[in-house]
Amino acid sequence: MALPVWGKFFEKLYRDPELRAKYPKEAFEKPDEINIELDCSKMELERKRLLEGREVLF
């Protein structure tokens, strides 16, 4: 869903000379290291552990 919106946004951005000057087509700098958990199943287990014995309001 987001990819078409993202693509249309950048098409318009690169067509506009004023905006193109602000946002040149360059590669992003790669971060040295990512220190966040990306496995959703592990995050769900952690969430359940943290909420154990608590009343869930929503």
PDB file of N, CA and C in Angstrom:
ATOM      1  N   MET A   1       0.821  -1.189   0.000  1.00  0.00           N
ATOM      2  CA  MET A   1       0.000   0.000   0.000  1.00  0.00           C
ATOM      3  C   MET A   1       0.872   1.262   0.000  1.00  0.00           C
ATOM      4  N   ALA A   2       1.898   1.285   0.805  1.00  0.00           N
ATOM      5  CA  ALA A   2       2.723   2.488   0.915  1.00  0.00           C
ATOM      6  C   ALA A   2       3.635   2.683  -0.297  1.00  0.00           C
ATOM      7  N   LEU A   3       4.037   1.593  -0.934  1.00  0.00           N
ATOM      8  CA  LEU A   3       4.983   1.715  -2.045  1.00  0.00           C
ATOM      9  C   LEU A   3       4.447   2.583  -3.186  1.00  0.00           C
ATOM     10  N   PRO A   4       3.200   2.392  -3.656  1.00  0.00           N
ATOM     11  CA  PRO A   4       2.710   3.278  -4.725  1.00  0.00           C
ATOM     12  C   PRO A   4       2.675   4.749  -4.309  1.00  0.00           C
ATOM     13  N   VAL A   5       2.280   5.020  -3.077  1.00  0.00           N
ATOM     14  CA  VAL A   5       2.234   6.405  -2.595  1.00  0.00           C
ATOM     15  C   VAL A   5       3.641   6.983  -2.565  1.00  0.00           C
ATOM     16  N   TRP A   6       4.584   6.212  -2.064  1.00  0.00           N
ATOM     17  CA  TRP A   6       5.986   6.635  -1.991  1.00  0.00           C
ATOM     18  C   TRP A   6       6.509   6.917  -3.402  1.00  0.00           C
ATOM     19  N   GLY A   7       6.210   6.016  -4.338  1.00  0.00           N
ATOM     20  CA  GLY A   7       6.671   6.179  -5.715  1.00  0.00           C
ATOM     21  C   GLY A   7       6.107   7.427  -6.374  1.00  0.00           C
ATOM     22  N   LYS A   8       4.813   7.660  -6.194  1.00  0.00           N
ATOM     23  CA  LYS A   8       4.191   8.857  -6.784  1.00  0.00           C
ATOM     24  C   LYS A   8       4.764  10.130  -6.170  1.00  0.00           C
ATOM     25  N   PHE A   9       4.990  10.103  -4.862  1.00  0.00           N
ATOM     26  CA  PHE A   9       5.579  11.262  -4.191  1.00  0.00           C
ATOM     27  C   PHE A   9       6.937  11.596  -4.803  1.00  0.00           C
ATOM     28  N   PHE A  10       7.793  10.577  -4.968  1.00  0.00           N
ATOM     29  CA  PHE A  10       9.131  10.835  -5.491  1.00  0.00           C
ATOM     30  C   PHE A  10       9.117  11.191  -6.969  1.00  0.00           C
ATOM     31  N   GLU A  11       8.167  10.665  -7.734  1.00  0.00           N
ATOM     32  CA  GLU A  11       8.038  11.087  -9.132  1.00  0.00           C
ATOM     33  C   GLU A  11       7.780  12.593  -9.202  1.00  0.00           C
ATOM     34  N   LYS A  12       6.826  13.054  -8.391  1.00  0.00           N
ATOM     35  CA  LYS A  12       6.505  14.489  -8.371  1.00  0.00           C
ATOM     36  C   LYS A  12       7.682  15.300  -7.843  1.00  0.00           C
ATOM     37  N   LEU A  13       8.334  14.786  -6.837  1.00  0.00           N
ATOM     38  CA  LEU A  13       9.474  15.487  -6.244  1.00  0.00           C
ATOM     39  C   LEU A  13      10.581  15.695  -7.277  1.00  0.00           C
ATOM     40  N   TYR A  14      10.919  14.646  -8.030  1.00  0.00           N
ATOM     41  CA  TYR A  14      12.012  14.750  -8.996  1.00  0.00           C
ATOM     42  C   TYR A  14      11.621  15.534 -10.244  1.00  0.00           C
ATOM     43  N   ARG A  15      10.317  15.717 -10.508  1.00  0.00           N
ATOM     44  CA  ARG A  15       9.878  16.534 -11.646  1.00  0.00           C
ATOM     45  C   ARG A  15       9.946  18.029 -11.338  1.00  0.00           C
ATOM     46  N   ASP A  16       9.863  18.376 -10.058  1.00  0.00           N
ATOM     47  CA  ASP A  16       9.863  19.780  -9.640  1.00  0.00           C
ATOM     48  C   ASP A  16      11.310  20.243  -9.469  1.00  0.00           C
ATOM     49  N   PRO A  17      11.812  21.148 -10.329  1.00  0.00           N
ATOM     50  CA  PRO A  17      13.213  21.573 -10.262  1.00  0.00           C
ATOM     51  C   PRO A  17      13.596  22.205  -8.920  1.00  0.00           C
ATOM     52  N   GLU A  18      12.651  22.910  -8.307  1.00  0.00           N
ATOM     53  CA  GLU A  18      12.934  23.547  -7.020  1.00  0.00           C
ATOM     54  C   GLU A  18      13.166  22.493  -5.923  1.00  0.00           C
ATOM     55  N   LEU A  19      12.306  21.500  -5.902  1.00  0.00           N
ATOM     56  CA  LEU A  19      12.451  20.435  -4.907  1.00  0.00           C
ATOM     57  C   LEU A  19      13.632  19.520  -5.233  1.00  0.00           C
ATOM     58  N   ARG A  20      13.852  19.286  -6.525  1.00  0.00           N
ATOM     59  CA  ARG A  20      14.956  18.410  -6.934  1.00  0.00           C
ATOM     60  C   ARG A  20      16.287  18.947  -6.432  1.00  0.00           C
ATOM     61  N   ALA A  21      16.424  20.263  -6.381  1.00  0.00           N
ATOM     62  CA  ALA A  21      17.661  20.868  -5.880  1.00  0.00           C
ATOM     63  C   ALA A  21      17.837  20.593  -4.387  1.00  0.00           C
ATOM     64  N   LYS A  22      16.734  20.544  -3.653  1.00  0.00           N
ATOM     65  CA  LYS A  22      16.797  20.276  -2.210  1.00  0.00           C
ATOM     66  C   LYS A  22      17.034  18.800  -1.902  1.00  0.00           C
ATOM     67  N   TYR A  23      16.498  17.920  -2.752  1.00  0.00           N
ATOM     68  CA  TYR A  23      16.564  16.478  -2.510  1.00  0.00           C
ATOM     69  C   TYR A  23      17.210  15.770  -3.704  1.00  0.00           C
ATOM     70  N   PRO A  24      18.515  15.861  -3.843  1.00  0.00           N
ATOM     71  CA  PRO A  24      19.181  15.222  -4.982  1.00  0.00           C
ATOM     72  C   PRO A  24      19.119  13.692  -4.884  1.00  0.00           C
ATOM     73  N   LYS A  25      19.235  13.036  -6.040  1.00  0.00           N
ATOM     74  CA  LYS A  25      19.234  11.566  -6.066  1.00  0.00           C
ATOM     75  C   LYS A  25      20.598  11.070  -5.610  1.00  0.00           C
ATOM     76  N   GLU A  26      20.711  10.824  -4.344  1.00  0.00           N
ATOM     77  CA  GLU A  26      21.961  10.312  -3.783  1.00  0.00           C
ATOM     78  C   GLU A  26      21.651   9.116  -2.906  1.00  0.00           C
ATOM     79  N   ALA A  27      22.626   8.275  -2.736  1.00  0.00           N
ATOM     80  CA  ALA A  27      22.453   7.120  -1.858  1.00  0.00           C
ATOM     81  C   ALA A  27      22.466   7.579  -0.401  1.00  0.00           C
ATOM     82  N   PHE A  28      21.676   6.899   0.417  1.00  0.00           N
ATOM     83  CA  PHE A  28      21.677   7.192   1.843  1.00  0.00           C
ATOM     84  C   PHE A  28      22.906   6.571   2.481  1.00  0.00           C
ATOM     85  N   GLU A  29      23.394   7.210   3.531  1.00  0.00           N
ATOM     86  CA  GLU A  29      24.511   6.632   4.269  1.00  0.00           C
ATOM     87  C   GLU A  29      24.019   5.406   5.025  1.00  0.00           C
ATOM     88  N   LYS A  30      24.754   4.322   4.912  1.00  0.00           N
ATOM     89  CA  LYS A  30      24.387   3.098   5.615  1.00  0.00           C
ATOM     90  C   LYS A  30      24.828   3.220   7.074  1.00  0.00           C
ATOM     91  N   PRO A  31      23.910   2.944   8.020  1.00  0.00           N
ATOM     92  CA  PRO A  31      24.306   3.018   9.430  1.00  0.00           C
ATOM     93  C   PRO A  31      25.308   1.920   9.766  1.00  0.00           C
ATOM     94  N   ASP A  32      26.146   2.186  10.758  1.00  0.00           N
ATOM     95  CA  ASP A  32      27.153   1.208  11.156  1.00  0.00           C
ATOM     96  C   ASP A  32      26.519  -0.101  11.613  1.00  0.00           C
ATOM     97  N   GLU A  33      25.539   0.013  12.496  1.00  0.00           N
ATOM     98  CA  GLU A  33      24.926  -1.186  13.051  1.00  0.00           C
ATOM     99  C   GLU A  33      23.504  -0.865  13.494  1.00  0.00           C
ATOM    100  N   ILE A  34      22.617  -1.823  13.326  1.00  0.00           N
ATOM    101  CA  ILE A  34      21.245  -1.665  13.800  1.00  0.00           C
ATOM    102  C   ILE A  34      21.098  -2.498  15.062  1.00  0.00           C
ATOM    103  N   ASN A  35      20.703  -1.844  16.149  1.00  0.00           N
ATOM    104  CA  ASN A  35      20.599  -2.524  17.441  1.00  0.00           C
ATOM    105  C   ASN A  35      19.160  -2.703  17.894  1.00  0.00           C
ATOM    106  N   ILE A  36      18.244  -2.924  16.957  1.00  0.00           N
ATOM    107  CA  ILE A  36      16.854  -3.135  17.343  1.00  0.00           C
ATOM    108  C   ILE A  36      16.418  -4.526  16.896  1.00  0.00           C
ATOM    109  N   GLU A  37      15.477  -5.088  17.613  1.00  0.00           N
ATOM    110  CA  GLU A  37      14.952  -6.409  17.267  1.00  0.00           C
ATOM    111  C   GLU A  37      13.948  -6.256  16.129  1.00  0.00           C
ATOM    112  N   LEU A  38      14.144  -7.008  15.063  1.00  0.00           N
ATOM    113  CA  LEU A  38      13.263  -6.926  13.911  1.00  0.00           C
ATOM    114  C   LEU A  38      12.359  -8.146  13.776  1.00  0.00           C
ATOM    115  N   ASP A  39      12.516  -9.120  14.652  1.00  0.00           N
ATOM    116  CA  ASP A  39      11.701 -10.331  14.620  1.00  0.00           C
ATOM    117  C   ASP A  39      10.448 -10.100  15.463  1.00  0.00           C
ATOM    118  N   CYS A  40       9.298  -9.941  14.810  1.00  0.00           N
ATOM    119  CA  CYS A  40       8.048  -9.612  15.513  1.00  0.00           C
ATOM    120  C   CYS A  40       7.633 -10.698  16.500  1.00  0.00           C
ATOM    121  N   SER A  41       7.908 -11.963  16.195  1.00  0.00           N
ATOM    122  CA  SER A  41       7.512 -13.030  17.115  1.00  0.00           C
ATOM    123  C   SER A  41       8.255 -12.910  18.442  1.00  0.00           C
ATOM    124  N   LYS A  42       9.510 -12.493  18.407  1.00  0.00           N
ATOM    125  CA  LYS A  42      10.262 -12.294  19.649  1.00  0.00           C
ATOM    126  C   LYS A  42       9.701 -11.107  20.426  1.00  0.00           C
ATOM    127  N   MET A  43       9.296 -10.071  19.720  1.00  0.00           N
ATOM    128  CA  MET A  43       8.728  -8.896  20.378  1.00  0.00           C
ATOM    129  C   MET A  43       7.391  -9.232  21.025  1.00  0.00           C
ATOM    130  N   GLU A  44       6.595 -10.088  20.384  1.00  0.00           N
ATOM    131  CA  GLU A  44       5.305 -10.489  20.945  1.00  0.00           C
ATOM    132  C   GLU A  44       5.511 -11.277  22.235  1.00  0.00           C
ATOM    133  N   LEU A  45       6.496 -12.161  22.267  1.00  0.00           N
ATOM    134  CA  LEU A  45       6.801 -12.913  23.490  1.00  0.00           C
ATOM    135  C   LEU A  45       7.223 -11.972  24.608  1.00  0.00           C
ATOM    136  N   GLU A  46       8.026 -10.981  24.293  1.00  0.00           N
ATOM    137  CA  GLU A  46       8.474 -10.009  25.292  1.00  0.00           C
ATOM    138  C   GLU A  46       7.295  -9.181  25.799  1.00  0.00           C
ATOM    139  N   ARG A  47       6.403  -8.791  24.899  1.00  0.00           N
ATOM    140  CA  ARG A  47       5.221  -8.013  25.292  1.00  0.00           C
ATOM    141  C   ARG A  47       4.347  -8.822  26.245  1.00  0.00           C
ATOM    142  N   LYS A  48       4.127 -10.095  25.909  1.00  0.00           N
ATOM    143  CA  LYS A  48       3.319 -10.962  26.775  1.00  0.00           C
ATOM    144  C   LYS A  48       3.969 -11.118  28.138  1.00  0.00           C
ATOM    145  N   ARG A  49       5.285 -11.264  28.156  1.00  0.00           N
ATOM    146  CA  ARG A  49       5.999 -11.420  29.423  1.00  0.00           C
ATOM    147  C   ARG A  49       5.840 -10.168  30.283  1.00  0.00           C
ATOM    148  N   LEU A  50       5.955  -8.999  29.665  1.00  0.00           N
ATOM    149  CA  LEU A  50       5.838  -7.744  30.400  1.00  0.00           C
ATOM    150  C   LEU A  50       4.422  -7.494  30.920  1.00  0.00           C
ATOM    151  N   LEU A  51       3.413  -7.956  30.169  1.00  0.00           N
ATOM    152  CA  LEU A  51       2.024  -7.715  30.553  1.00  0.00           C
ATOM    153  C   LEU A  51       1.441  -8.814  31.436  1.00  0.00           C
ATOM    154  N   GLU A  52       2.192  -9.854  31.664  1.00  0.00           N
ATOM    155  CA  GLU A  52       1.702 -10.987  32.454  1.00  0.00           C
ATOM    156  C   GLU A  52       1.206 -10.515  33.824  1.00  0.00           C
ATOM    157  N   GLY A  53      -0.044 -10.868  34.142  1.00  0.00           N
ATOM    158  CA  GLY A  53      -0.614 -10.504  35.431  1.00  0.00           C
ATOM    159  C   GLY A  53      -1.174  -9.103  35.502  1.00  0.00           C
ATOM    160  N   ARG A  54      -1.115  -8.366  34.408  1.00  0.00           N
ATOM    161  CA  ARG A  54      -1.650  -6.995  34.384  1.00  0.00           C
ATOM    162  C   ARG A  54      -2.953  -6.966  33.592  1.00  0.00           C
ATOM    163  N   GLU A  55      -3.814  -6.042  33.952  1.00  0.00           N
ATOM    164  CA  GLU A  55      -5.059  -5.866  33.223  1.00  0.00           C
ATOM    165  C   GLU A  55      -4.768  -5.064  31.954  1.00  0.00           C
ATOM    166  N   VAL A  56      -5.200  -5.582  30.820  1.00  0.00           N
ATOM    167  CA  VAL A  56      -4.997  -4.893  29.545  1.00  0.00           C
ATOM    168  C   VAL A  56      -6.192  -3.977  29.310  1.00  0.00           C
ATOM    169  N   LEU A  57      -5.931  -2.697  29.104  1.00  0.00           N
ATOM    170  CA  LEU A  57      -6.996  -1.709  28.972  1.00  0.00           C
ATOM    171  C   LEU A  57      -7.498  -1.538  27.547  1.00  0.00           C
ATOM    172  N   PHE A  58      -6.731  -1.966  26.560  1.00  0.00           N
ATOM    173  CA  PHE A  58      -7.164  -1.808  25.175  1.00  0.00           C
ATOM    174  C   PHE A  58      -6.770  -2.994  24.354  1.00  0.00           C
TER     175      PHE A  58
END
